[in-house]
């Protein structure tokens, strides 16, 4: 699974608490969207991958924490969808011979990545509703908690996918 390490890193960096990803250092005054993204990515587990994944969206992000969070979720959704399609194609095109464990791991991985896609969609839907209930702090915190819950569930599904390969030999998948 050539793309799996990239997928893991990408999903991990987007599952940082939204407040961390979306709120760069408050003392930092960025001059443009790319500086803002670099500052926000500095708080993630993998800042360079985060920045490389999001920098092209600087004009959409500008200096908005909400826009940065939405873009990060959208990029996660796109990459997770592509990974699910890749795993699906791989499972259909591969010859596993007598190794049923590899076939089962790929099937389970495809299923859990499909769940992750649904959960990231749920996170994005919730993110679009942030602030719609009014300016109350409680409502905002509740909505952001939901965003984080959906993203955390997606990360759990990704972990389940990779765990399925622990008992598979080192041969080609």
C-alpha atoms as a PDB file:
ATOM      1  CA  UNK A   1       0.000   0.000   0.000  1.00  0.00           C
ATOM      2  CA  UNK A   2       2.182   2.761  -1.297  1.00  0.00           C
ATOM      3  CA  UNK A   3      -0.108   5.630  -0.340  1.00  0.00           C
ATOM      4  CA  UNK A   4      -0.881   4.390   3.161  1.00  0.00           C
ATOM      5  CA  UNK A   5       1.945   6.264   4.946  1.00  0.00           C
ATOM      6  CA  UNK A   6       0.926   9.506   3.246  1.00  0.00           C
ATOM      7  CA  UNK A   7      -2.728   8.908   4.109  1.00  0.00           C
ATOM      8  CA  UNK A   8      -1.876   8.186   7.726  1.00  0.00           C
ATOM      9  CA  UNK A   9       0.180  11.331   8.067  1.00  0.00           C
ATOM     10  CA  UNK A  10      -2.428  13.461   6.352  1.00  0.00           C
ATOM     11  CA  UNK A  11      -5.255  12.159   8.477  1.00  0.00           C
ATOM     12  CA  UNK A  12      -3.232  12.483  11.665  1.00  0.00           C
ATOM     13  CA  UNK A  13      -2.393  16.098  11.069  1.00  0.00           C
ATOM     14  CA  UNK A  14      -6.014  16.990  10.427  1.00  0.00           C
ATOM     15  CA  UNK A  15      -7.207  15.228  13.544  1.00  0.00           C
ATOM     16  CA  UNK A  16      -5.365  17.569  15.838  1.00  0.00           C
ATOM     17  CA  UNK A  17      -7.818  19.547  17.921  1.00  0.00           C
ATOM     18  CA  UNK A  18      -9.513  21.980  15.568  1.00  0.00           C
ATOM     19  CA  UNK A  19      -8.682  24.892  17.829  1.00  0.00           C
ATOM     20  CA  UNK A  20      -4.989  24.043  17.440  1.00  0.00           C
ATOM     21  CA  UNK A  21      -5.107  23.660  13.681  1.00  0.00           C
ATOM     22  CA  UNK A  22      -7.419  26.595  13.141  1.00  0.00           C
ATOM     23  CA  UNK A  23      -5.817  29.103  15.489  1.00  0.00           C
ATOM     24  CA  UNK A  24      -2.231  29.955  14.782  1.00  0.00           C
ATOM     25  CA  UNK A  25      -0.183  31.777  17.379  1.00  0.00           C
ATOM     26  CA  UNK A  26      -2.329  34.779  18.415  1.00  0.00           C
ATOM     27  CA  UNK A  27       0.752  37.014  18.637  1.00  0.00           C
ATOM     28  CA  UNK A  28       1.635  36.226  15.016  1.00  0.00           C
ATOM     29  CA  UNK A  29       0.344  38.693  12.439  1.00  0.00           C
ATOM     30  CA  UNK A  30       0.548  36.986   9.041  1.00  0.00           C
ATOM     31  CA  UNK A  31       0.870  39.110   5.942  1.00  0.00           C
ATOM     32  CA  UNK A  32      -0.852  36.570   3.717  1.00  0.00           C
ATOM     33  CA  UNK A  33      -2.673  33.242   3.681  1.00  0.00           C
ATOM     34  CA  UNK A  34       0.463  31.158   3.224  1.00  0.00           C
ATOM     35  CA  UNK A  35       2.020  32.636   6.365  1.00  0.00           C
ATOM     36  CA  UNK A  36      -1.218  31.961   8.211  1.00  0.00           C
ATOM     37  CA  UNK A  37      -1.257  28.341   7.038  1.00  0.00           C
ATOM     38  CA  UNK A  38       2.406  27.874   7.975  1.00  0.00           C
ATOM     39  CA  UNK A  39       1.677  29.238  11.443  1.00  0.00           C
ATOM     40  CA  UNK A  40      -1.365  26.989  11.872  1.00  0.00           C
ATOM     41  CA  UNK A  41       0.494  23.938  10.604  1.00  0.00           C
ATOM     42  CA  UNK A  42       3.266  24.629  13.093  1.00  0.00           C
ATOM     43  CA  UNK A  43       0.977  23.291  15.819  1.00  0.00           C
ATOM     44  CA  UNK A  44       0.416  19.916  14.094  1.00  0.00           C
ATOM     45  CA  UNK A  45       2.306  16.642  14.397  1.00  0.00           C
ATOM     46  CA  UNK A  46       3.652  16.975  10.853  1.00  0.00           C
ATOM     47  CA  UNK A  47       3.973  20.689  10.063  1.00  0.00           C
ATOM     48  CA  UNK A  48       5.754  20.335   6.708  1.00  0.00           C
ATOM     49  CA  UNK A  49       3.250  17.849   5.318  1.00  0.00           C
ATOM     50  CA  UNK A  50       0.421  19.996   6.644  1.00  0.00           C
ATOM     51  CA  UNK A  51       1.825  23.078   4.945  1.00  0.00           C
ATOM     52  CA  UNK A  52       2.534  21.245   1.680  1.00  0.00           C
ATOM     53  CA  UNK A  53      -1.038  19.917   1.676  1.00  0.00           C
ATOM     54  CA  UNK A  54      -2.717  23.260   2.374  1.00  0.00           C
ATOM     55  CA  UNK A  55      -0.476  26.010   0.945  1.00  0.00           C
ATOM     56  CA  UNK A  56      -2.148  25.926  -2.462  1.00  0.00           C
ATOM     57  CA  UNK A  57      -5.391  26.998  -0.754  1.00  0.00           C
ATOM     58  CA  UNK A  58      -3.925  30.176   0.756  1.00  0.00           C
ATOM     59  CA  UNK A  59      -6.206  32.481  -1.230  1.00  0.00           C
ATOM     60  CA  UNK A  60      -9.272  30.608   0.037  1.00  0.00           C
ATOM     61  CA  UNK A  61      -8.006  30.484   3.619  1.00  0.00           C
ATOM     62  CA  UNK A  62      -6.762  34.078   3.811  1.00  0.00           C
ATOM     63  CA  UNK A  63      -6.326  34.614   7.564  1.00  0.00           C
ATOM     64  CA  UNK A  64      -9.509  32.890   8.715  1.00  0.00           C
ATOM     65  CA  UNK A  65      -9.360  30.061  11.272  1.00  0.00           C
ATOM     66  CA  UNK A  66     -12.752  28.770  10.129  1.00  0.00           C
ATOM     67  CA  UNK A  67     -11.706  28.687   6.499  1.00  0.00           C
ATOM     68  CA  UNK A  68      -8.449  26.965   7.401  1.00  0.00           C
ATOM     69  CA  UNK A  69     -10.333  24.271   9.317  1.00  0.00           C
ATOM     70  CA  UNK A  70     -12.853  23.767   6.491  1.00  0.00           C
ATOM     71  CA  UNK A  71     -10.098  23.535   3.871  1.00  0.00           C
ATOM     72  CA  UNK A  72      -8.169  21.039   6.013  1.00  0.00           C
ATOM     73  CA  UNK A  73     -11.291  18.895   6.399  1.00  0.00           C
ATOM     74  CA  UNK A  74     -12.044  19.089   2.665  1.00  0.00           C
ATOM     75  CA  UNK A  75      -8.485  18.052   1.804  1.00  0.00           C
ATOM     76  CA  UNK A  76      -8.771  15.166   4.281  1.00  0.00           C
ATOM     77  CA  UNK A  77     -12.040  14.108   2.660  1.00  0.00           C
ATOM     78  CA  UNK A  78     -10.548  14.206  -0.817  1.00  0.00           C
ATOM     79  CA  UNK A  79      -7.444  12.246   0.164  1.00  0.00           C
ATOM     80  CA  UNK A  80      -9.389   9.691   2.189  1.00  0.00           C
ATOM     81  CA  UNK A  81     -11.816   9.180  -0.707  1.00  0.00           C
ATOM     82  CA  UNK A  82      -8.890   8.638  -3.064  1.00  0.00           C
ATOM     83  CA  UNK A  83      -7.291   6.202  -0.638  1.00  0.00           C
ATOM     84  CA  UNK A  84     -10.545   4.235  -0.323  1.00  0.00           C
ATOM     85  CA  UNK A  85     -10.776   4.023  -4.125  1.00  0.00           C
ATOM     86  CA  UNK A  86      -7.135   2.956  -4.336  1.00  0.00           C
ATOM     87  CA  UNK A  87      -7.643   0.185  -1.763  1.00  0.00           C
ATOM     88  CA  UNK A  88     -10.803  -0.934  -3.553  1.00  0.00           C
ATOM     89  CA  UNK A  89      -8.973  -1.170  -6.891  1.00  0.00           C
ATOM     90  CA  UNK A  90      -6.033  -2.909  -5.263  1.00  0.00           C
ATOM     91  CA  UNK A  91      -8.266  -5.525  -3.675  1.00  0.00           C
ATOM     92  CA  UNK A  92      -9.975  -6.246  -7.017  1.00  0.00           C
ATOM     93  CA  UNK A  93      -6.784  -6.399  -9.072  1.00  0.00           C
ATOM     94  CA  UNK A  94      -4.466  -8.293  -6.754  1.00  0.00           C
ATOM     95  CA  UNK A  95      -3.813 -12.010  -6.794  1.00  0.00           C
ATOM     96  CA  UNK A  96      -3.505 -13.123  -3.196  1.00  0.00           C
ATOM     97  CA  UNK A  97      -2.944 -16.787  -3.941  1.00  0.00           C
ATOM     98  CA  UNK A  98      -3.307 -18.695  -0.698  1.00  0.00           C
ATOM     99  CA  UNK A  99      -2.909 -15.600   1.495  1.00  0.00           C
ATOM    100  CA  UNK A 100      -6.464 -14.965   2.586  1.00  0.00           C
ATOM    101  CA  UNK A 101      -5.203 -12.640   5.337  1.00  0.00           C
ATOM    102  CA  UNK A 102      -4.082 -10.030   2.812  1.00  0.00           C
ATOM    103  CA  UNK A 103      -7.388 -10.199   0.960  1.00  0.00           C
ATOM    104  CA  UNK A 104      -9.336  -9.908   4.216  1.00  0.00           C
ATOM    105  CA  UNK A 105      -7.161  -7.011   5.408  1.00  0.00           C
ATOM    106  CA  UNK A 106      -7.745  -5.100   2.174  1.00  0.00           C
ATOM    107  CA  UNK A 107     -11.485  -5.760   2.290  1.00  0.00           C
ATOM    108  CA  UNK A 108     -11.695  -4.610   5.907  1.00  0.00           C
ATOM    109  CA  UNK A 109      -9.519  -1.595   5.141  1.00  0.00           C
ATOM    110  CA  UNK A 110     -11.796  -0.567   2.273  1.00  0.00           C
ATOM    111  CA  UNK A 111     -14.814  -0.874   4.548  1.00  0.00           C
ATOM    112  CA  UNK A 112     -13.289   1.175   7.353  1.00  0.00           C
ATOM    113  CA  UNK A 113     -12.000   3.819   4.928  1.00  0.00           C
ATOM    114  CA  UNK A 114     -15.544   4.098   3.582  1.00  0.00           C
ATOM    115  CA  UNK A 115     -16.698   4.718   7.136  1.00  0.00           C
ATOM    116  CA  UNK A 116     -13.933   7.307   7.547  1.00  0.00           C
ATOM    117  CA  UNK A 117     -15.137   9.122   4.419  1.00  0.00           C
ATOM    118  CA  UNK A 118     -18.655   9.255   5.865  1.00  0.00           C
ATOM    119  CA  UNK A 119     -17.334  10.563   9.176  1.00  0.00           C
ATOM    120  CA  UNK A 120     -15.225  13.254   7.540  1.00  0.00           C
ATOM    121  CA  UNK A 121     -18.327  14.289   5.583  1.00  0.00           C
ATOM    122  CA  UNK A 122     -20.150  14.517   8.909  1.00  0.00           C
ATOM    123  CA  UNK A 123     -17.372  16.705  10.257  1.00  0.00           C
ATOM    124  CA  UNK A 124     -17.517  18.972   7.220  1.00  0.00           C
ATOM    125  CA  UNK A 125     -21.304  19.228   7.477  1.00  0.00           C
ATOM    126  CA  UNK A 126     -21.015  20.182  11.147  1.00  0.00           C
ATOM    127  CA  UNK A 127     -18.248  22.676  10.343  1.00  0.00           C
ATOM    128  CA  UNK A 128     -20.533  24.389   7.831  1.00  0.00           C
ATOM    129  CA  UNK A 129     -23.127  24.824  10.588  1.00  0.00           C
ATOM    130  CA  UNK A 130     -20.711  26.387  13.073  1.00  0.00           C
ATOM    131  CA  UNK A 131     -22.129  29.715  14.154  1.00  0.00           C
ATOM    132  CA  UNK A 132     -25.527  29.116  12.526  1.00  0.00           C
ATOM    133  CA  UNK A 133     -27.177  28.768  15.943  1.00  0.00           C
ATOM    134  CA  UNK A 134     -25.980  32.214  16.964  1.00  0.00           C
ATOM    135  CA  UNK A 135     -22.944  33.654  18.664  1.00  0.00           C
ATOM    136  CA  UNK A 136     -23.188  31.714  21.940  1.00  0.00           C
ATOM    137  CA  UNK A 137     -19.938  30.238  23.209  1.00  0.00           C
ATOM    138  CA  UNK A 138     -21.705  27.066  24.348  1.00  0.00           C
ATOM    139  CA  UNK A 139     -23.160  26.453  20.885  1.00  0.00           C
ATOM    140  CA  UNK A 140     -19.791  27.047  19.223  1.00  0.00           C
ATOM    141  CA  UNK A 141     -18.007  24.703  21.623  1.00  0.00           C
ATOM    142  CA  UNK A 142     -20.678  22.037  21.133  1.00  0.00           C
ATOM    143  CA  UNK A 143     -20.422  22.284  17.342  1.00  0.00           C
ATOM    144  CA  UNK A 144     -16.624  22.199  17.390  1.00  0.00           C
ATOM    145  CA  UNK A 145     -16.790  19.203  19.722  1.00  0.00           C
ATOM    146  CA  UNK A 146     -18.924  17.464  17.104  1.00  0.00           C
ATOM    147  CA  UNK A 147     -16.408  18.330  14.383  1.00  0.00           C
ATOM    148  CA  UNK A 148     -13.623  16.837  16.481  1.00  0.00           C
ATOM    149  CA  UNK A 149     -15.686  13.748  17.311  1.00  0.00           C
ATOM    150  CA  UNK A 150     -16.323  13.029  13.621  1.00  0.00           C
ATOM    151  CA  UNK A 151     -12.638  13.491  12.763  1.00  0.00           C
ATOM    152  CA  UNK A 152     -11.566  11.353  15.708  1.00  0.00           C
ATOM    153  CA  UNK A 153     -13.881   8.579  14.532  1.00  0.00           C
ATOM    154  CA  UNK A 154     -12.293   8.798  11.071  1.00  0.00           C
ATOM    155  CA  UNK A 155      -8.857   8.447  12.640  1.00  0.00           C
ATOM    156  CA  UNK A 156     -10.038   5.404  14.597  1.00  0.00           C
ATOM    157  CA  UNK A 157     -11.208   3.835  11.335  1.00  0.00           C
ATOM    158  CA  UNK A 158      -7.824   4.521   9.770  1.00  0.00           C
ATOM    159  CA  UNK A 159      -6.155   2.836  12.753  1.00  0.00           C
ATOM    160  CA  UNK A 160      -8.451  -0.158  12.279  1.00  0.00           C
ATOM    161  CA  UNK A 161      -7.427  -0.305   8.624  1.00  0.00           C
ATOM    162  CA  UNK A 162      -3.713  -0.381   9.394  1.00  0.00           C
ATOM    163  CA  UNK A 163      -4.142  -2.786  12.318  1.00  0.00           C
ATOM    164  CA  UNK A 164      -5.583  -5.308   9.885  1.00  0.00           C
ATOM    165  CA  UNK A 165      -2.223  -5.567   8.127  1.00  0.00           C
ATOM    166  CA  UNK A 166      -0.209  -6.447  11.234  1.00  0.00           C
ATOM    167  CA  UNK A 167      -0.599 -10.186  10.669  1.00  0.00           C
ATOM    168  CA  UNK A 168      -0.061 -10.002   6.918  1.00  0.00           C
ATOM    169  CA  UNK A 169       3.402 -11.016   5.748  1.00  0.00           C
ATOM    170  CA  UNK A 170       5.853  -8.644   4.114  1.00  0.00           C
ATOM    171  CA  UNK A 171       4.922  -9.695   0.588  1.00  0.00           C
ATOM    172  CA  UNK A 172       3.379  -7.378  -1.968  1.00  0.00           C
ATOM    173  CA  UNK A 173      -0.170  -6.276  -1.341  1.00  0.00           C
END
